[in-house]
Amino acid sequence: FETVGLTFQMLKVIDVFYYVYYGGEGVKPA
């Protein structure tokens, strides 16, 4: 796979995990 933008995608995905875990909020797919 190509890694262009991978580091920022990683940080974004982890931020979503934090949002769910600490915020107790759900994630809307769109």
PDB file of all heavy atoms in Angstrom:
ATOM      1  N   PHE A   1       0.841  -1.194   0.000  1.00  0.00           N
ATOM      2  CA  PHE A   1       0.000   0.000   0.000  1.00  0.00           C
ATOM      3  C   PHE A   1       0.878   1.245   0.000  1.00  0.00           C
ATOM      4  O   PHE A   1       2.057   1.196   0.345  1.00  0.00           O
ATOM      5  CB  PHE A   1      -0.933   0.022   1.214  1.00  0.00           C
ATOM      6  CG  PHE A   1      -0.231  -0.112   2.537  1.00  0.00           C
ATOM      7  CD1 PHE A   1       0.337   0.990   3.171  1.00  0.00           C
ATOM      8  CD2 PHE A   1      -0.142  -1.346   3.176  1.00  0.00           C
ATOM      9  CE1 PHE A   1       0.983   0.871   4.387  1.00  0.00           C
ATOM     10  CE2 PHE A   1       0.500  -1.475   4.393  1.00  0.00           C
ATOM     11  CZ  PHE A   1       1.060  -0.351   5.008  1.00  0.00           C
ATOM     12  N   GLU A   2       0.296   2.370  -0.426  1.00  0.00           N
ATOM     13  CA  GLU A   2       0.974   3.656  -0.383  1.00  0.00           C
ATOM     14  C   GLU A   2       0.751   4.302   0.975  1.00  0.00           C
ATOM     15  O   GLU A   2      -0.296   4.101   1.607  1.00  0.00           O
ATOM     16  CB  GLU A   2       0.447   4.570  -1.490  1.00  0.00           C
ATOM     17  CG  GLU A   2       0.889   4.147  -2.884  1.00  0.00           C
ATOM     18  CD  GLU A   2       0.602   5.222  -3.905  1.00  0.00           C
ATOM     19  OE1 GLU A   2       0.883   6.411  -3.618  1.00  0.00           O
ATOM     20  OE2 GLU A   2       0.081   4.882  -4.978  1.00  0.00           O
ATOM     21  N   THR A   3       1.726   5.089   1.414  1.00  0.00           N
ATOM     22  CA  THR A   3       1.647   5.656   2.762  1.00  0.00           C
ATOM     23  C   THR A   3       1.415   7.166   2.766  1.00  0.00           C
ATOM     24  O   THR A   3       1.547   7.802   3.806  1.00  0.00           O
ATOM     25  CB  THR A   3       2.941   5.342   3.535  1.00  0.00           C
ATOM     26  OG1 THR A   3       4.058   5.900   2.818  1.00  0.00           O
ATOM     27  CG2 THR A   3       3.129   3.849   3.687  1.00  0.00           C
ATOM     28  N   VAL A   4       1.073   7.744   1.621  1.00  0.00           N
ATOM     29  CA  VAL A   4       0.805   9.185   1.569  1.00  0.00           C
ATOM     30  C   VAL A   4      -0.379   9.515   2.487  1.00  0.00           C
ATOM     31  O   VAL A   4      -1.454   8.934   2.367  1.00  0.00           O
ATOM     32  CB  VAL A   4       0.478   9.634   0.133  1.00  0.00           C
ATOM     33  CG1 VAL A   4       0.088  11.119   0.119  1.00  0.00           C
ATOM     34  CG2 VAL A   4       1.663   9.395  -0.783  1.00  0.00           C
ATOM     35  N   GLY A   5      -0.162  10.430   3.413  1.00  0.00           N
ATOM     36  CA  GLY A   5      -1.246  10.824   4.315  1.00  0.00           C
ATOM     37  C   GLY A   5      -1.522   9.845   5.431  1.00  0.00           C
ATOM     38  O   GLY A   5      -2.427  10.073   6.252  1.00  0.00           O
ATOM     39  N   LEU A   6      -0.751   8.754   5.499  1.00  0.00           N
ATOM     40  CA  LEU A   6      -1.030   7.709   6.489  1.00  0.00           C
ATOM     41  C   LEU A   6      -0.924   8.227   7.922  1.00  0.00           C
ATOM     42  O   LEU A   6      -1.753   7.905   8.775  1.00  0.00           O
ATOM     43  CB  LEU A   6      -0.083   6.527   6.287  1.00  0.00           C
ATOM     44  CG  LEU A   6      -0.136   5.425   7.355  1.00  0.00           C
ATOM     45  CD1 LEU A   6      -1.534   4.836   7.454  1.00  0.00           C
ATOM     46  CD2 LEU A   6       0.895   4.339   7.046  1.00  0.00           C
ATOM     47  N   THR A   7       0.097   9.047   8.194  1.00  0.00           N
ATOM     48  CA  THR A   7       0.292   9.501   9.572  1.00  0.00           C
ATOM     49  C   THR A   7      -0.899  10.318  10.057  1.00  0.00           C
ATOM     50  O   THR A   7      -1.334  10.175  11.204  1.00  0.00           O
ATOM     51  CB  THR A   7       1.574  10.346   9.682  1.00  0.00           C
ATOM     52  OG1 THR A   7       1.561  11.368   8.677  1.00  0.00           O
ATOM     53  CG2 THR A   7       2.798   9.491   9.493  1.00  0.00           C
ATOM     54  N   PHE A   8      -1.441  11.146   9.180  1.00  0.00           N
ATOM     55  CA  PHE A   8      -2.591  11.951   9.590  1.00  0.00           C
ATOM     56  C   PHE A   8      -3.853  11.113   9.689  1.00  0.00           C
ATOM     57  O   PHE A   8      -4.703  11.366  10.551  1.00  0.00           O
ATOM     58  CB  PHE A   8      -2.790  13.125   8.620  1.00  0.00           C
ATOM     59  CG  PHE A   8      -1.971  14.330   8.984  1.00  0.00           C
ATOM     60  CD1 PHE A   8      -0.623  14.381   8.702  1.00  0.00           C
ATOM     61  CD2 PHE A   8      -2.534  15.394   9.654  1.00  0.00           C
ATOM     62  CE1 PHE A   8       0.157  15.480   9.054  1.00  0.00           C
ATOM     63  CE2 PHE A   8      -1.775  16.500  10.028  1.00  0.00           C
ATOM     64  CZ  PHE A   8      -0.430  16.537   9.715  1.00  0.00           C
ATOM     65  N   GLN A   9      -3.996  10.112   8.829  1.00  0.00           N
ATOM     66  CA  GLN A   9      -5.154   9.223   8.951  1.00  0.00           C
ATOM     67  C   GLN A   9      -5.100   8.454  10.267  1.00  0.00           C
ATOM     68  O   GLN A   9      -6.117   8.248  10.931  1.00  0.00           O
ATOM     69  CB  GLN A   9      -5.204   8.245   7.768  1.00  0.00           C
ATOM     70  CG  GLN A   9      -5.251   8.897   6.397  1.00  0.00           C
ATOM     71  CD  GLN A   9      -6.247  10.035   6.330  1.00  0.00           C
ATOM     72  OE1 GLN A   9      -7.438   9.852   6.592  1.00  0.00           O
ATOM     73  NE2 GLN A   9      -5.781  11.226   6.004  1.00  0.00           N
ATOM     74  N   MET A  10      -3.908   8.038  10.641  1.00  0.00           N
ATOM     75  CA  MET A  10      -3.726   7.322  11.906  1.00  0.00           C
ATOM     76  C   MET A  10      -4.147   8.189  13.089  1.00  0.00           C
ATOM     77  O   MET A  10      -4.893   7.747  13.975  1.00  0.00           O
ATOM     78  CB  MET A  10      -2.261   6.913  12.055  1.00  0.00           C
ATOM     79  CG  MET A  10      -1.891   6.338  13.412  1.00  0.00           C
ATOM     80  SD  MET A  10      -0.098   6.218  13.617  1.00  0.00           S
ATOM     81  CE  MET A  10       0.339   7.958  13.808  1.00  0.00           C
ATOM     82  N   LEU A  11      -3.689   9.447  13.103  1.00  0.00           N
ATOM     83  CA  LEU A  11      -4.034  10.345  14.203  1.00  0.00           C
ATOM     84  C   LEU A  11      -5.539  10.604  14.244  1.00  0.00           C
ATOM     85  O   LEU A  11      -6.133  10.710  15.323  1.00  0.00           O
ATOM     86  CB  LEU A  11      -3.278  11.666  14.062  1.00  0.00           C
ATOM     87  CG  LEU A  11      -1.749  11.596  14.144  1.00  0.00           C
ATOM     88  CD1 LEU A  11      -1.135  12.978  13.982  1.00  0.00           C
ATOM     89  CD2 LEU A  11      -1.299  10.978  15.459  1.00  0.00           C
ATOM     90  N   LYS A  12      -6.160  10.688  13.087  1.00  0.00           N
ATOM     91  CA  LYS A  12      -7.603  10.924  13.033  1.00  0.00           C
ATOM     92  C   LYS A  12      -8.382   9.728  13.566  1.00  0.00           C
ATOM     93  O   LYS A  12      -9.351   9.888  14.318  1.00  0.00           O
ATOM     94  CB  LYS A  12      -8.027  11.247  11.602  1.00  0.00           C
ATOM     95  CG  LYS A  12      -7.546  12.586  11.087  1.00  0.00           C
ATOM     96  CD  LYS A  12      -7.906  12.766   9.620  1.00  0.00           C
ATOM     97  CE  LYS A  12      -7.331  14.049   9.054  1.00  0.00           C
ATOM     98  NZ  LYS A  12      -7.620  14.181   7.606  1.00  0.00           N
ATOM     99  N   VAL A  13      -7.966   8.525  13.167  1.00  0.00           N
ATOM    100  CA  VAL A  13      -8.659   7.325  13.639  1.00  0.00           C
ATOM    101  C   VAL A  13      -8.527   7.192  15.159  1.00  0.00           C
ATOM    102  O   VAL A  13      -9.501   6.891  15.860  1.00  0.00           O
ATOM    103  CB  VAL A  13      -8.103   6.067  12.942  1.00  0.00           C
ATOM    104  CG1 VAL A  13      -8.608   4.802  13.630  1.00  0.00           C
ATOM    105  CG2 VAL A  13      -8.520   6.064  11.468  1.00  0.00           C
ATOM    106  N   ILE A  14      -7.340   7.434  15.681  1.00  0.00           N
ATOM    107  CA  ILE A  14      -7.147   7.369  17.129  1.00  0.00           C
ATOM    108  C   ILE A  14      -7.992   8.423  17.829  1.00  0.00           C
ATOM    109  O   ILE A  14      -8.566   8.169  18.901  1.00  0.00           O
ATOM    110  CB  ILE A  14      -5.653   7.538  17.473  1.00  0.00           C
ATOM    111  CG1 ILE A  14      -4.854   6.332  16.985  1.00  0.00           C
ATOM    112  CG2 ILE A  14      -5.459   7.718  18.985  1.00  0.00           C
ATOM    113  CD1 ILE A  14      -3.363   6.470  17.164  1.00  0.00           C
ATOM    114  N   ASP A  15      -8.106   9.607  17.232  1.00  0.00           N
ATOM    115  CA  ASP A  15      -8.938  10.657  17.824  1.00  0.00           C
ATOM    116  C   ASP A  15     -10.396  10.217  17.891  1.00  0.00           C
ATOM    117  O   ASP A  15     -11.104  10.538  18.851  1.00  0.00           O
ATOM    118  CB  ASP A  15      -8.818  11.951  17.015  1.00  0.00           C
ATOM    119  CG  ASP A  15      -9.515  13.115  17.684  1.00  0.00           C
ATOM    120  OD1 ASP A  15      -9.119  13.476  18.818  1.00  0.00           O
ATOM    121  OD2 ASP A  15     -10.470  13.664  17.102  1.00  0.00           O
ATOM    122  N   VAL A  16     -10.863   9.487  16.885  1.00  0.00           N
ATOM    123  CA  VAL A  16     -12.229   8.953  16.909  1.00  0.00           C
ATOM    124  C   VAL A  16     -12.383   7.956  18.052  1.00  0.00           C
ATOM    125  O   VAL A  16     -13.401   7.950  18.761  1.00  0.00           O
ATOM    126  CB  VAL A  16     -12.580   8.301  15.558  1.00  0.00           C
ATOM    127  CG1 VAL A  16     -13.907   7.543  15.660  1.00  0.00           C
ATOM    128  CG2 VAL A  16     -12.666   9.348  14.459  1.00  0.00           C
ATOM    129  N   PHE A  17     -11.380   7.108  18.262  1.00  0.00           N
ATOM    130  CA  PHE A  17     -11.424   6.170  19.385  1.00  0.00           C
ATOM    131  C   PHE A  17     -11.535   6.922  20.715  1.00  0.00           C
ATOM    132  O   PHE A  17     -12.302   6.529  21.606  1.00  0.00           O
ATOM    133  CB  PHE A  17     -10.176   5.285  19.404  1.00  0.00           C
ATOM    134  CG  PHE A  17     -10.068   4.333  18.247  1.00  0.00           C
ATOM    135  CD1 PHE A  17      -8.862   3.726  17.935  1.00  0.00           C
ATOM    136  CD2 PHE A  17     -11.167   4.048  17.469  1.00  0.00           C
ATOM    137  CE1 PHE A  17      -8.754   2.847  16.877  1.00  0.00           C
ATOM    138  CE2 PHE A  17     -11.079   3.156  16.394  1.00  0.00           C
ATOM    139  CZ  PHE A  17      -9.865   2.558  16.100  1.00  0.00           C
ATOM    140  N   TYR A  18     -10.753   7.998  20.853  1.00  0.00           N
ATOM    141  CA  TYR A  18     -10.828   8.822  22.069  1.00  0.00           C
ATOM    142  C   TYR A  18     -12.214   9.432  22.216  1.00  0.00           C
ATOM    143  O   TYR A  18     -12.761   9.498  23.318  1.00  0.00           O
ATOM    144  CB  TYR A  18      -9.775   9.935  22.010  1.00  0.00           C
ATOM    145  CG  TYR A  18      -8.442   9.567  22.609  1.00  0.00           C
ATOM    146  CD1 TYR A  18      -7.610   8.644  21.985  1.00  0.00           C
ATOM    147  CD2 TYR A  18      -7.997  10.134  23.792  1.00  0.00           C
ATOM    148  CE1 TYR A  18      -6.380   8.295  22.524  1.00  0.00           C
ATOM    149  CE2 TYR A  18      -6.777   9.801  24.339  1.00  0.00           C
ATOM    150  CZ  TYR A  18      -5.961   8.884  23.699  1.00  0.00           C
ATOM    151  OH  TYR A  18      -4.749   8.535  24.237  1.00  0.00           O
ATOM    152  N   TYR A  19     -12.770   9.891  21.125  1.00  0.00           N
ATOM    153  CA  TYR A  19     -14.099  10.508  21.124  1.00  0.00           C
ATOM    154  C   TYR A  19     -15.147   9.520  21.643  1.00  0.00           C
ATOM    155  O   TYR A  19     -16.008   9.869  22.449  1.00  0.00           O
ATOM    156  CB  TYR A  19     -14.435  10.959  19.705  1.00  0.00           C
ATOM    157  CG  TYR A  19     -15.796  11.586  19.534  1.00  0.00           C
ATOM    158  CD1 TYR A  19     -15.998  12.936  19.811  1.00  0.00           C
ATOM    159  CD2 TYR A  19     -16.868  10.843  19.063  1.00  0.00           C
ATOM    160  CE1 TYR A  19     -17.230  13.526  19.636  1.00  0.00           C
ATOM    161  CE2 TYR A  19     -18.108  11.421  18.879  1.00  0.00           C
ATOM    162  CZ  TYR A  19     -18.293  12.764  19.167  1.00  0.00           C
ATOM    163  OH  TYR A  19     -19.534  13.338  18.985  1.00  0.00           O
ATOM    164  N   VAL A  20     -15.035   8.275  21.193  1.00  0.00           N
ATOM    165  CA  VAL A  20     -15.994   7.240  21.609  1.00  0.00           C
ATOM    166  C   VAL A  20     -15.752   6.825  23.050  1.00  0.00           C
ATOM    167  O   VAL A  20     -16.691   6.724  23.851  1.00  0.00           O
ATOM    168  CB  VAL A  20     -15.897   6.017  20.676  1.00  0.00           C
ATOM    169  CG1 VAL A  20     -16.745   4.863  21.220  1.00  0.00           C
ATOM    170  CG2 VAL A  20     -16.341   6.389  19.268  1.00  0.00           C
ATOM    171  N   TYR A  21     -14.490   6.610  23.399  1.00  0.00           N
ATOM    172  CA  TYR A  21     -14.160   6.064  24.719  1.00  0.00           C
ATOM    173  C   TYR A  21     -14.373   7.081  25.837  1.00  0.00           C
ATOM    174  O   TYR A  21     -15.008   6.773  26.849  1.00  0.00           O
ATOM    175  CB  TYR A  21     -12.712   5.575  24.723  1.00  0.00           C
ATOM    176  CG  TYR A  21     -12.291   4.915  26.018  1.00  0.00           C
ATOM    177  CD1 TYR A  21     -12.716   3.629  26.335  1.00  0.00           C
ATOM    178  CD2 TYR A  21     -11.469   5.584  26.924  1.00  0.00           C
ATOM    179  CE1 TYR A  21     -12.333   3.022  27.521  1.00  0.00           C
ATOM    180  CE2 TYR A  21     -11.074   4.983  28.109  1.00  0.00           C
ATOM    181  CZ  TYR A  21     -11.507   3.711  28.407  1.00  0.00           C
ATOM    182  OH  TYR A  21     -11.132   3.113  29.588  1.00  0.00           O
ATOM    183  N   TYR A  22     -13.841   8.284  25.647  1.00  0.00           N
ATOM    184  CA  TYR A  22     -13.930   9.286  26.713  1.00  0.00           C
ATOM    185  C   TYR A  22     -15.186  10.146  26.617  1.00  0.00           C
ATOM    186  O   TYR A  22     -15.691  10.627  27.631  1.00  0.00           O
ATOM    187  CB  TYR A  22     -12.693  10.199  26.690  1.00  0.00           C
ATOM    188  CG  TYR A  22     -11.440   9.510  27.181  1.00  0.00           C
ATOM    189  CD1 TYR A  22     -10.487   9.048  26.284  1.00  0.00           C
ATOM    190  CD2 TYR A  22     -11.213   9.306  28.538  1.00  0.00           C
ATOM    191  CE1 TYR A  22      -9.338   8.409  26.725  1.00  0.00           C
ATOM    192  CE2 TYR A  22     -10.072   8.674  28.993  1.00  0.00           C
ATOM    193  CZ  TYR A  22      -9.135   8.221  28.078  1.00  0.00           C
ATOM    194  OH  TYR A  22      -8.005   7.590  28.521  1.00  0.00           O
ATOM    195  N   GLY A  23     -15.683  10.336  25.418  1.00  0.00           N
ATOM    196  CA  GLY A  23     -16.873  11.170  25.256  1.00  0.00           C
ATOM    197  C   GLY A  23     -18.172  10.405  25.347  1.00  0.00           C
ATOM    198  O   GLY A  23     -19.236  10.998  25.550  1.00  0.00           O
ATOM    199  N   GLY A  24     -18.075   9.071  25.179  1.00  0.00           N
ATOM    200  CA  GLY A  24     -19.285   8.265  25.244  1.00  0.00           C
ATOM    201  C   GLY A  24     -20.239   8.518  24.087  1.00  0.00           C
ATOM    202  O   GLY A  24     -21.435   8.236  24.183  1.00  0.00           O
ATOM    203  N   GLU A  25     -19.705   9.048  22.983  1.00  0.00           N
ATOM    204  CA  GLU A  25     -20.540   9.381  21.831  1.00  0.00           C
ATOM    205  C   GLU A  25     -20.412   8.308  20.753  1.00  0.00           C
ATOM    206  O   GLU A  25     -19.394   7.626  20.635  1.00  0.00           O
ATOM    207  CB  GLU A  25     -20.122  10.730  21.253  1.00  0.00           C
ATOM    208  CG  GLU A  25     -20.223  11.897  22.231  1.00  0.00           C
ATOM    209  CD  GLU A  25     -21.654  12.324  22.480  1.00  0.00           C
ATOM    210  OE1 GLU A  25     -22.517  11.966  21.651  1.00  0.00           O
ATOM    211  OE2 GLU A  25     -21.902  13.005  23.489  1.00  0.00           O
ATOM    212  N   GLY A  26     -21.456   8.199  19.956  1.00  0.00           N
ATOM    213  CA  GLY A  26     -21.424   7.289  18.826  1.00  0.00           C
ATOM    214  C   GLY A  26     -20.824   7.953  17.602  1.00  0.00           C
ATOM    215  O   GLY A  26     -20.682   9.172  17.546  1.00  0.00           O
ATOM    216  N   VAL A  27     -20.468   7.141  16.620  1.00  0.00           N
ATOM    217  CA  VAL A  27     -19.861   7.643  15.386  1.00  0.00           C
ATOM    218  C   VAL A  27     -20.823   7.431  14.229  1.00  0.00           C
ATOM    219  O   VAL A  27     -21.312   6.322  14.010  1.00  0.00           O
ATOM    220  CB  VAL A  27     -18.532   6.913  15.096  1.00  0.00           C
ATOM    221  CG1 VAL A  27     -17.955   7.359  13.762  1.00  0.00           C
ATOM    222  CG2 VAL A  27     -17.538   7.177  16.210  1.00  0.00           C
ATOM    223  N   LYS A  28     -21.087   8.502  13.493  1.00  0.00           N
ATOM    224  CA  LYS A  28     -21.929   8.406  12.297  1.00  0.00           C
ATOM    225  C   LYS A  28     -21.029   8.108  11.102  1.00  0.00           C
ATOM    226  O   LYS A  28     -20.089   8.874  10.823  1.00  0.00           O
ATOM    227  CB  LYS A  28     -22.684   9.711  12.078  1.00  0.00           C
ATOM    228  CG  LYS A  28     -23.659  10.040  13.205  1.00  0.00           C
ATOM    229  CD  LYS A  28     -24.360  11.364  12.950  1.00  0.00           C
ATOM    230  CE  LYS A  28     -25.336  11.686  14.076  1.00  0.00           C
ATOM    231  NZ  LYS A  28     -26.023  12.992  13.868  1.00  0.00           N
ATOM    232  N   PRO A  29     -21.289   7.010  10.378  1.00  0.00           N
ATOM    233  CA  PRO A  29     -20.382   6.605   9.286  1.00  0.00           C
ATOM    234  C   PRO A  29     -20.099   7.701   8.259  1.00  0.00           C
ATOM    235  O   PRO A  29     -18.949   7.899   7.869  1.00  0.00           O
ATOM    236  CB  PRO A  29     -21.119   5.423   8.649  1.00  0.00           C
ATOM    237  CG  PRO A  29     -21.911   4.838   9.775  1.00  0.00           C
ATOM    238  CD  PRO A  29     -22.354   6.017  10.600  1.00  0.00           C
ATOM    239  N   ALA A  30     -21.130   8.432   7.818  1.00  0.00           N
ATOM    240  CA  ALA A  30     -20.913   9.459   6.791  1.00  0.00           C
ATOM    241  C   ALA A  30     -19.975  10.552   7.300  1.00  0.00           C
ATOM    242  O   ALA A  30     -19.048  10.977   6.601  1.00  0.00           O
ATOM    243  CB  ALA A  30     -22.247  10.064   6.361  1.00  0.00           C
TER     244      ALA A  30
END
